[in-house]
Amino acid sequence: MISASLIKQKAAELADELLHIRRHLHKNPELSFQEFKTSSYLKSRLEKSGLSRFENKAGTGFTLTISGKNPESKTIALRADMDALPIQEENDKPYTSQNPGVMHACGHDVHSACLWGAATLLNQVKDDFEGTIKLLFQPGEELLPGGASLMIADGALEHPKPQQIIGQHVMPFLPVGTVGFRSGLYMASSDEIYIKIKGKGGHGAMPHLSNDPVPVAAQVILALQQLVSRKANPLMPSVLTIGKVEAAGATNVIPQEVNMQGTFRTLDETWRAEAHRLIENCIKHTAEAWGMEAELEIRKGYPFLKNDEELTGIAKQAAIDYLGAEKVIDLDIWMASEDFAYYSQVMPACFYRLGVRNEEKGIIHGVHHPKFDIDEQALEIGAGLMAWIALNALESK
């Protein structure tokens, strides 16, 4: 019989390999949809674990399956992303990125290493469980349209078709040794906003001869904030941020135009669509009121992520059995976005967090930071726990 203690033992036996794989991936990061060497390396490591018959998906992604007894009884999918970010790493470690301007600053090296470990463990005990485990090594989580959407479109969730899917992600705010779960609404949708206010440039000392787009841009920013505070249901989290403003004027130059970029996030698709309409009207009419033109592009990004209550309950209890109740933390809604949300839109999903923080070692930086790192004790926990959750999900009816 497969027990938590057996999985822990086998995870401990893989500790050195997990460390080696994570450090190799961290040292050799590749950007979204360019993960050719990463994919090839992971396949070679999986083959050494006795796993093969890969199916290439979405360019650089791939899937494979592990069949236990009665493989058609139930299928559970496990997912990891493989891509890195366009960030120059500032750590001084033996495994610091050797690819200038590219860094695993979001922990996808950890996710891939842990999924390799979970696959290796599950393959070792496949004669003792019923059902099938499907492994998804996914490209391009960090770049629209999102590798998850392309994996789905390319049939990654077919033949066999999973009934449920599980994903794991590092969390630098949780101490190593802990994990976090949230049932129901968890992560926000994410849309990119691009705005151009077109006026008439001129001399700063003679604004009456120009049509200054700068104060109009300021009015647009303030008006957009009111969309959230006055139009959104207060019970539905929403964020609208303008993070970049460019007005190529000078101390005495009124620019021809102002360009702005921002993001809109929420957890409700109906309000999301309505907000897009309100954003367009707000920008258009504010510019028109001052005799200017406005251009708007909204690039629709990832949907909101919802964790299935039943599956998340199974996963959380499995984590309690594996780590102890004091190591399992309830999470709040998180307004960041993740393309794992695409999977949650088509089947019951559970996306949980792996603690990687260690203040004594100075491992305190958040994801997407040039000094992001992890306490590597998390690797053994992440691989073993993912395998254990998958086994518990298979046993549930």
Protein backbone atom coordinates (compact mmCIF):
# COMPACT_ATOMS: atom_id res chain seq x y z
CA MET A 1 0.00 0.00 0.00
CA ILE A 2 1.24 3.48 -0.84
CA SER A 3 1.62 5.67 2.24
CA ALA A 4 2.72 9.23 2.83
CA SER A 5 5.82 7.91 4.59
CA LEU A 6 6.75 5.85 1.53
CA ILE A 7 6.42 8.87 -0.76
CA LYS A 8 8.49 10.96 1.68
CA GLN A 9 11.18 8.30 1.68
CA LYS A 10 11.30 8.15 -2.09
CA ALA A 11 11.33 11.96 -2.34
CA ALA A 12 14.30 12.07 0.04
CA GLU A 13 16.12 9.60 -2.18
CA LEU A 14 15.66 12.01 -5.11
CA ALA A 15 16.87 15.09 -3.20
CA ASP A 16 20.27 15.31 -4.89
CA GLU A 17 18.84 14.87 -8.38
CA LEU A 18 16.12 17.43 -7.72
CA LEU A 19 18.79 19.91 -6.66
CA HIS A 20 20.89 19.18 -9.75
CA ILE A 21 17.95 19.53 -12.15
CA ARG A 22 16.69 22.76 -10.60
CA ARG A 23 20.14 24.32 -10.67
CA HIS A 24 20.73 23.26 -14.28
CA LEU A 25 17.43 24.83 -15.33
CA HIS A 26 18.09 27.97 -13.32
CA LYS A 27 21.53 28.34 -14.86
CA ASN A 28 20.19 27.88 -18.40
CA PRO A 29 16.88 29.78 -18.61
CA GLU A 30 14.93 30.29 -21.83
CA LEU A 31 12.22 32.81 -22.60
CA SER A 32 8.57 31.99 -23.33
CA PHE A 33 8.04 29.71 -26.34
CA GLN A 34 11.82 29.39 -26.75
CA GLU A 35 12.24 26.53 -24.25
CA PHE A 36 13.87 24.16 -26.74
CA LYS A 37 16.87 23.16 -24.62
CA THR A 38 14.77 23.12 -21.45
CA SER A 39 12.26 20.74 -23.01
CA SER A 40 14.98 18.49 -24.40
CA TYR A 41 16.80 18.40 -21.06
CA LEU A 42 13.66 17.48 -19.12
CA LYS A 43 12.84 14.71 -21.60
CA SER A 44 16.32 13.27 -21.17
CA ARG A 45 15.96 13.30 -17.38
CA LEU A 46 12.53 11.67 -17.61
CA GLU A 47 13.94 8.96 -19.87
CA LYS A 48 16.55 8.18 -17.22
CA SER A 49 13.62 7.65 -14.85
CA GLY A 50 12.12 5.11 -17.25
CA LEU A 51 9.57 7.46 -18.81
CA SER A 52 9.19 8.03 -22.55
CA ARG A 53 6.57 8.27 -25.33
CA PHE A 54 6.39 12.04 -25.19
CA GLU A 55 3.80 13.94 -27.19
CA ASN A 56 4.97 17.36 -28.30
CA LYS A 57 2.43 20.14 -27.73
CA ALA A 58 2.30 23.90 -28.31
CA GLY A 59 5.75 24.06 -29.88
CA THR A 60 8.13 23.45 -27.01
CA GLY A 61 5.71 21.80 -24.58
CA PHE A 62 5.05 18.10 -24.18
CA THR A 63 2.95 15.56 -22.33
CA LEU A 64 3.36 11.97 -21.16
CA THR A 65 1.36 9.51 -19.12
CA ILE A 66 2.00 7.06 -16.28
CA SER A 67 -0.46 4.18 -16.21
CA GLY A 68 -1.24 2.27 -13.06
CA LYS A 69 -3.60 -0.67 -12.70
CA ASN A 70 -6.96 -0.24 -14.40
CA PRO A 71 -5.64 2.88 -16.21
CA GLU A 72 -9.04 3.88 -17.65
CA SER A 73 -10.66 4.24 -14.22
CA LYS A 74 -9.57 7.86 -13.70
CA THR A 75 -6.99 10.29 -15.06
CA ILE A 76 -5.38 13.13 -13.09
CA ALA A 77 -3.23 15.78 -14.80
CA LEU A 78 -0.23 17.48 -13.22
CA ARG A 79 1.19 20.64 -14.78
CA ALA A 80 4.45 22.59 -14.65
CA ASP A 81 5.56 25.61 -16.67
CA MET A 82 9.07 25.89 -18.09
CA ASP A 83 9.72 29.47 -19.27
CA ALA A 84 11.84 32.23 -17.73
CA LEU A 85 11.56 36.02 -17.67
CA PRO A 86 13.49 38.84 -19.44
CA ILE A 87 15.23 39.90 -16.20
CA GLN A 88 18.95 40.28 -15.49
CA GLU A 89 19.69 38.16 -12.42
CA GLU A 90 21.49 39.89 -9.53
CA ASN A 91 22.23 36.83 -7.38
CA ASP A 92 25.77 35.57 -6.89
CA LYS A 93 25.29 31.82 -6.69
CA PRO A 94 26.92 28.85 -8.43
CA TYR A 95 23.69 28.39 -10.36
CA THR A 96 23.12 32.05 -11.35
CA SER A 97 21.76 32.45 -14.88
CA GLN A 98 24.38 32.19 -17.60
CA ASN A 99 21.98 33.67 -20.17
CA PRO A 100 22.31 37.49 -20.02
CA GLY A 101 19.02 39.26 -19.46
CA VAL A 102 17.08 36.04 -18.84
CA MET A 103 16.25 34.61 -15.42
CA HIS A 104 14.01 32.08 -13.73
CA ALA A 105 12.56 34.80 -11.52
CA CYS A 106 9.15 33.15 -11.10
CA GLY A 107 10.20 29.67 -10.02
CA HIS A 108 9.36 27.76 -13.16
CA ASP A 109 12.67 25.92 -12.79
CA VAL A 110 11.33 24.73 -9.43
CA HIS A 111 7.99 23.71 -10.93
CA SER A 112 9.64 21.68 -13.68
CA ALA A 113 12.09 19.99 -11.31
CA CYS A 114 9.28 19.12 -8.89
CA LEU A 115 7.12 17.68 -11.67
CA TRP A 116 10.08 15.58 -12.80
CA GLY A 117 10.40 14.35 -9.21
CA ALA A 118 6.66 13.64 -8.89
CA ALA A 119 6.73 11.75 -12.20
CA THR A 120 9.71 9.69 -11.09
CA LEU A 121 8.04 8.83 -7.77
CA LEU A 122 4.73 7.92 -9.39
CA ASN A 123 6.44 5.75 -11.97
CA GLN A 124 8.16 3.85 -9.16
CA VAL A 125 4.82 2.97 -7.53
CA LYS A 126 2.63 2.60 -10.64
CA ASP A 127 1.94 -1.07 -9.85
CA ASP A 128 0.31 -0.01 -6.58
CA PHE A 129 -2.24 2.57 -7.71
CA GLU A 130 -5.23 2.54 -10.03
CA GLY A 131 -5.70 5.05 -12.81
CA THR A 132 -3.50 7.27 -14.97
CA ILE A 133 -1.35 10.31 -14.29
CA LYS A 134 -0.91 12.73 -17.18
CA LEU A 135 2.03 15.12 -17.01
CA LEU A 136 1.96 18.50 -18.76
CA PHE A 137 5.25 20.35 -19.24
CA GLN A 138 4.01 23.68 -20.55
CA PRO A 139 5.74 26.56 -22.35
CA GLY A 140 5.02 30.27 -22.25
CA GLU A 141 3.15 31.01 -19.03
CA GLU A 142 4.68 34.49 -18.91
CA LEU A 143 3.59 35.69 -22.35
CA LEU A 144 0.19 36.18 -24.00
CA PRO A 145 -1.72 34.27 -25.21
CA GLY A 146 -0.38 31.90 -22.55
CA GLY A 147 1.01 28.45 -23.12
CA ALA A 148 -1.89 26.84 -21.27
CA SER A 149 -4.37 28.04 -23.89
CA LEU A 150 -2.13 26.66 -26.65
CA MET A 151 -1.66 23.33 -24.85
CA ILE A 152 -5.44 22.96 -24.59
CA ALA A 153 -5.93 23.90 -28.25
CA ASP A 154 -3.27 21.36 -29.24
CA GLY A 155 -5.06 18.51 -27.49
CA ALA A 156 -2.96 18.24 -24.32
CA LEU A 157 -6.12 17.43 -22.34
CA GLU A 158 -7.19 14.64 -24.68
CA HIS A 159 -6.23 10.96 -25.13
CA PRO A 160 -6.51 10.37 -22.26
CA LYS A 161 -8.78 13.13 -21.03
CA PRO A 162 -8.12 14.03 -17.37
CA GLN A 163 -11.02 14.45 -14.98
CA GLN A 164 -9.05 16.88 -12.80
CA ILE A 165 -5.85 18.93 -12.98
CA ILE A 166 -3.38 20.05 -10.31
CA GLY A 167 -0.74 22.79 -10.44
CA GLN A 168 1.88 23.97 -7.97
CA HIS A 169 3.57 27.38 -7.75
CA VAL A 170 6.27 28.81 -5.51
CA MET A 171 5.22 31.42 -2.95
CA PRO A 172 8.04 33.60 -1.56
CA PHE A 173 5.79 34.92 1.22
CA LEU A 174 5.33 31.43 2.72
CA PRO A 175 8.20 29.94 4.74
CA VAL A 176 9.83 26.80 3.39
CA GLY A 177 8.12 23.72 4.73
CA THR A 178 4.64 25.20 4.38
CA VAL A 179 2.07 25.16 1.59
CA GLY A 180 -1.04 27.24 0.93
CA PHE A 181 -4.51 26.50 -0.43
CA ARG A 182 -7.62 28.44 -1.31
CA SER A 183 -10.91 26.99 -2.48
CA GLY A 184 -13.10 28.84 -4.96
CA LEU A 185 -12.09 32.17 -6.53
CA TYR A 186 -8.34 32.58 -6.19
CA MET A 187 -6.54 34.58 -8.92
CA ALA A 188 -7.62 37.45 -11.16
CA SER A 189 -8.07 37.82 -14.87
CA SER A 190 -5.47 40.09 -16.48
CA ASP A 191 -5.90 42.53 -19.36
CA GLU A 192 -3.35 44.94 -20.81
CA ILE A 193 -4.50 48.51 -21.56
CA TYR A 194 -2.80 50.76 -24.14
CA ILE A 195 -4.01 54.38 -24.44
CA LYS A 196 -2.99 57.23 -26.74
CA ILE A 197 -4.31 60.80 -26.21
CA LYS A 198 -3.70 62.86 -29.37
CA GLY A 199 -3.54 66.64 -28.98
CA LYS A 200 -1.66 69.48 -30.61
CA GLY A 201 1.85 70.30 -29.50
CA GLY A 202 3.45 73.69 -29.12
CA HIS A 203 5.36 76.08 -26.89
CA GLY A 204 4.79 75.71 -23.16
CA ALA A 205 4.45 79.49 -22.81
CA MET A 206 1.56 79.61 -25.28
CA PRO A 207 -0.83 76.80 -24.35
CA HIS A 208 -3.77 78.64 -25.94
CA LEU A 209 -2.23 77.97 -29.35
CA SER A 210 -1.93 74.24 -28.62
CA ASN A 211 -4.22 71.51 -27.36
CA ASP A 212 -2.38 70.02 -24.41
CA PRO A 213 -2.91 66.24 -24.02
CA VAL A 214 -1.07 66.07 -20.68
CA PRO A 215 -3.83 67.38 -18.36
CA VAL A 216 -6.37 65.36 -20.35
CA ALA A 217 -4.29 62.25 -19.76
CA ALA A 218 -4.30 63.11 -16.06
CA GLN A 219 -8.10 63.41 -16.15
CA VAL A 220 -8.32 60.03 -17.87
CA ILE A 221 -6.22 58.40 -15.15
CA LEU A 222 -8.38 59.83 -12.37
CA ALA A 223 -11.61 58.98 -14.19
CA LEU A 224 -10.47 55.38 -14.68
CA GLN A 225 -9.95 55.05 -10.93
CA GLN A 226 -13.58 56.05 -10.44
CA LEU A 227 -14.69 53.18 -12.65
CA VAL A 228 -13.47 50.79 -10.00
CA SER A 229 -14.59 52.79 -6.97
CA ARG A 230 -18.04 53.77 -8.35
CA LYS A 231 -19.02 51.16 -10.94
CA ALA A 232 -17.61 47.87 -9.62
CA ASN A 233 -19.49 45.82 -7.05
CA PRO A 234 -17.55 46.43 -3.80
CA LEU A 235 -17.79 42.70 -3.08
CA MET A 236 -15.96 41.83 -6.32
CA PRO A 237 -12.21 42.57 -6.25
CA SER A 238 -11.07 44.78 -9.13
CA VAL A 239 -7.81 46.55 -9.91
CA LEU A 240 -7.16 49.17 -12.60
CA THR A 241 -3.60 50.46 -12.64
CA ILE A 242 -1.91 52.84 -15.09
CA GLY A 243 1.73 51.96 -14.71
CA LYS A 244 3.39 53.82 -17.56
CA VAL A 245 2.89 57.38 -18.85
CA GLU A 246 4.97 58.85 -21.69
CA ALA A 247 4.68 62.50 -22.74
CA ALA A 248 7.64 63.42 -24.92
CA GLY A 249 7.62 67.12 -24.14
CA ALA A 250 10.02 69.28 -22.14
CA THR A 251 9.94 72.12 -19.62
CA ASN A 252 8.74 74.45 -22.37
CA VAL A 253 7.30 71.96 -24.86
CA ILE A 254 3.70 70.70 -25.02
CA PRO A 255 3.82 67.25 -26.61
CA GLN A 256 1.67 66.10 -29.51
CA GLU A 257 0.42 63.04 -27.64
CA VAL A 258 0.54 61.10 -24.38
CA ASN A 259 0.87 57.32 -24.33
CA MET A 260 -0.17 55.26 -21.33
CA GLN A 261 -0.16 51.59 -20.39
CA GLY A 262 -1.90 49.76 -17.60
CA THR A 263 -3.69 46.64 -16.41
CA PHE A 264 -7.23 45.71 -15.45
CA ARG A 265 -7.91 42.70 -13.22
CA THR A 266 -10.98 41.13 -11.68
CA LEU A 267 -12.60 37.77 -10.87
CA ASP A 268 -15.88 37.99 -12.77
CA GLU A 269 -16.22 37.64 -16.54
CA THR A 270 -19.49 39.61 -16.81
CA TRP A 271 -18.02 42.60 -14.97
CA ARG A 272 -14.80 42.22 -16.94
CA ALA A 273 -16.66 42.69 -20.23
CA GLU A 274 -18.67 45.61 -18.85
CA ALA A 275 -15.51 47.25 -17.51
CA HIS A 276 -13.92 47.08 -20.96
CA ARG A 277 -16.90 49.00 -22.37
CA LEU A 278 -16.75 51.59 -19.59
CA ILE A 279 -12.99 52.05 -20.02
CA GLU A 280 -13.48 52.73 -23.74
CA ASN A 281 -16.29 55.23 -23.14
CA CYS A 282 -14.39 57.02 -20.38
CA ILE A 283 -11.27 57.55 -22.47
CA LYS A 284 -13.12 58.47 -25.66
CA HIS A 285 -15.48 61.01 -24.08
CA THR A 286 -12.86 62.62 -21.85
CA ALA A 287 -10.66 63.26 -24.88
CA GLU A 288 -13.60 64.49 -26.97
CA ALA A 289 -14.60 66.97 -24.29
CA TRP A 290 -11.29 68.76 -24.94
CA GLY A 291 -11.33 68.42 -28.70
CA MET A 292 -8.86 65.55 -28.84
CA GLU A 293 -8.80 62.02 -30.20
CA ALA A 294 -8.06 58.93 -28.15
CA GLU A 295 -6.93 55.49 -29.23
CA LEU A 296 -7.44 52.44 -27.02
CA GLU A 297 -6.31 48.85 -27.26
CA ILE A 298 -7.28 46.29 -24.64
CA ARG A 299 -5.35 43.06 -24.99
CA LYS A 300 -7.44 40.44 -23.27
CA GLY A 301 -5.24 38.23 -21.15
CA TYR A 302 -5.77 35.26 -18.87
CA PRO A 303 -9.18 34.52 -17.33
CA PHE A 304 -9.73 34.35 -13.58
CA LEU A 305 -8.63 31.20 -11.76
CA LYS A 306 -11.14 29.22 -9.72
CA ASN A 307 -10.13 26.27 -7.57
CA ASP A 308 -12.64 23.44 -7.50
CA GLU A 309 -13.93 23.05 -3.95
CA GLU A 310 -13.98 19.26 -3.89
CA LEU A 311 -10.56 18.76 -5.47
CA THR A 312 -8.98 21.51 -3.36
CA GLY A 313 -10.44 19.89 -0.24
CA ILE A 314 -8.85 16.58 -1.21
CA ALA A 315 -5.51 18.25 -1.95
CA LYS A 316 -5.53 20.24 1.28
CA GLN A 317 -6.29 17.16 3.39
CA ALA A 318 -3.53 15.27 1.58
CA ALA A 319 -1.13 18.10 2.44
CA ILE A 320 -2.21 17.96 6.09
CA ASP A 321 -1.56 14.22 6.14
CA TYR A 322 1.82 14.73 4.47
CA LEU A 323 3.14 17.79 6.32
CA GLY A 324 0.93 18.30 9.38
CA ALA A 325 -1.92 20.75 9.88
CA GLU A 326 0.39 23.50 11.18
CA LYS A 327 2.21 23.54 7.84
CA VAL A 328 -0.91 24.04 5.70
CA ILE A 329 -2.06 27.65 5.36
CA ASP A 330 -5.31 29.16 4.09
CA LEU A 331 -4.68 31.75 1.37
CA ASP A 332 -6.50 34.97 0.47
CA ILE A 333 -7.54 36.03 -3.03
CA TRP A 334 -4.46 36.94 -5.07
CA MET A 335 -4.86 39.65 -7.71
CA ALA A 336 -1.96 38.42 -9.81
CA SER A 337 -2.84 36.23 -12.78
CA GLU A 338 -1.74 32.82 -14.07
CA ASP A 339 -2.50 31.03 -17.29
CA PHE A 340 -3.29 27.87 -15.27
CA ALA A 341 -6.66 29.64 -15.13
CA TYR A 342 -7.36 28.33 -18.63
CA TYR A 343 -7.32 24.78 -17.27
CA SER A 344 -9.62 25.79 -14.41
CA GLN A 345 -12.13 27.04 -16.98
CA VAL A 346 -12.49 23.63 -18.63
CA MET A 347 -12.17 21.11 -15.78
CA PRO A 348 -11.99 20.90 -11.97
CA ALA A 349 -8.62 22.33 -10.96
CA CYS A 350 -6.49 22.95 -7.89
CA PHE A 351 -3.65 25.46 -7.94
CA TYR A 352 -1.75 25.62 -4.65
CA ARG A 353 1.35 27.33 -3.28
CA LEU A 354 4.72 25.96 -2.20
CA GLY A 355 6.58 27.93 0.47
CA VAL A 356 10.17 28.82 -0.45
CA ARG A 357 11.04 31.68 1.96
CA ASN A 358 13.91 31.55 4.46
CA GLU A 359 14.70 34.87 6.11
CA GLU A 360 17.78 33.50 7.92
CA LYS A 361 19.34 32.73 4.54
CA GLY A 362 18.24 36.06 3.05
CA ILE A 363 15.74 34.39 0.75
CA ILE A 364 13.09 37.09 0.99
CA HIS A 365 12.51 38.52 -2.49
CA GLY A 366 9.27 38.19 -4.41
CA VAL A 367 8.80 36.68 -7.83
CA HIS A 368 9.88 38.78 -10.84
CA HIS A 369 12.63 40.34 -8.69
CA PRO A 370 16.24 40.11 -9.94
CA LYS A 371 17.28 38.61 -6.57
CA PHE A 372 14.49 36.06 -6.35
CA ASP A 373 15.67 32.68 -5.07
CA ILE A 374 14.33 29.74 -3.08
CA ASP A 375 15.30 27.63 -0.10
CA GLU A 376 16.02 24.43 -2.00
CA GLN A 377 14.58 22.28 0.77
CA ALA A 378 11.30 23.10 -0.97
CA LEU A 379 12.24 20.84 -3.90
CA GLU A 380 11.91 17.59 -1.97
CA ILE A 381 8.66 18.80 -0.39
CA GLY A 382 7.25 19.98 -3.70
CA ALA A 383 8.00 16.77 -5.59
CA GLY A 384 6.76 14.44 -2.87
CA LEU A 385 3.64 16.43 -2.07
CA MET A 386 2.60 16.73 -5.70
CA ALA A 387 2.86 12.96 -6.11
CA TRP A 388 0.94 12.38 -2.87
CA ILE A 389 -1.86 14.78 -3.84
CA ALA A 390 -2.16 13.08 -7.23
CA LEU A 391 -2.50 9.66 -5.58
CA ASN A 392 -5.18 10.95 -3.23
CA ALA A 393 -7.05 12.54 -6.15
CA LEU A 394 -6.97 9.23 -8.02
CA GLU A 395 -8.50 7.42 -5.04
CA SER A 396 -11.38 9.89 -4.71
CA LYS A 397 -14.54 8.99 -6.59
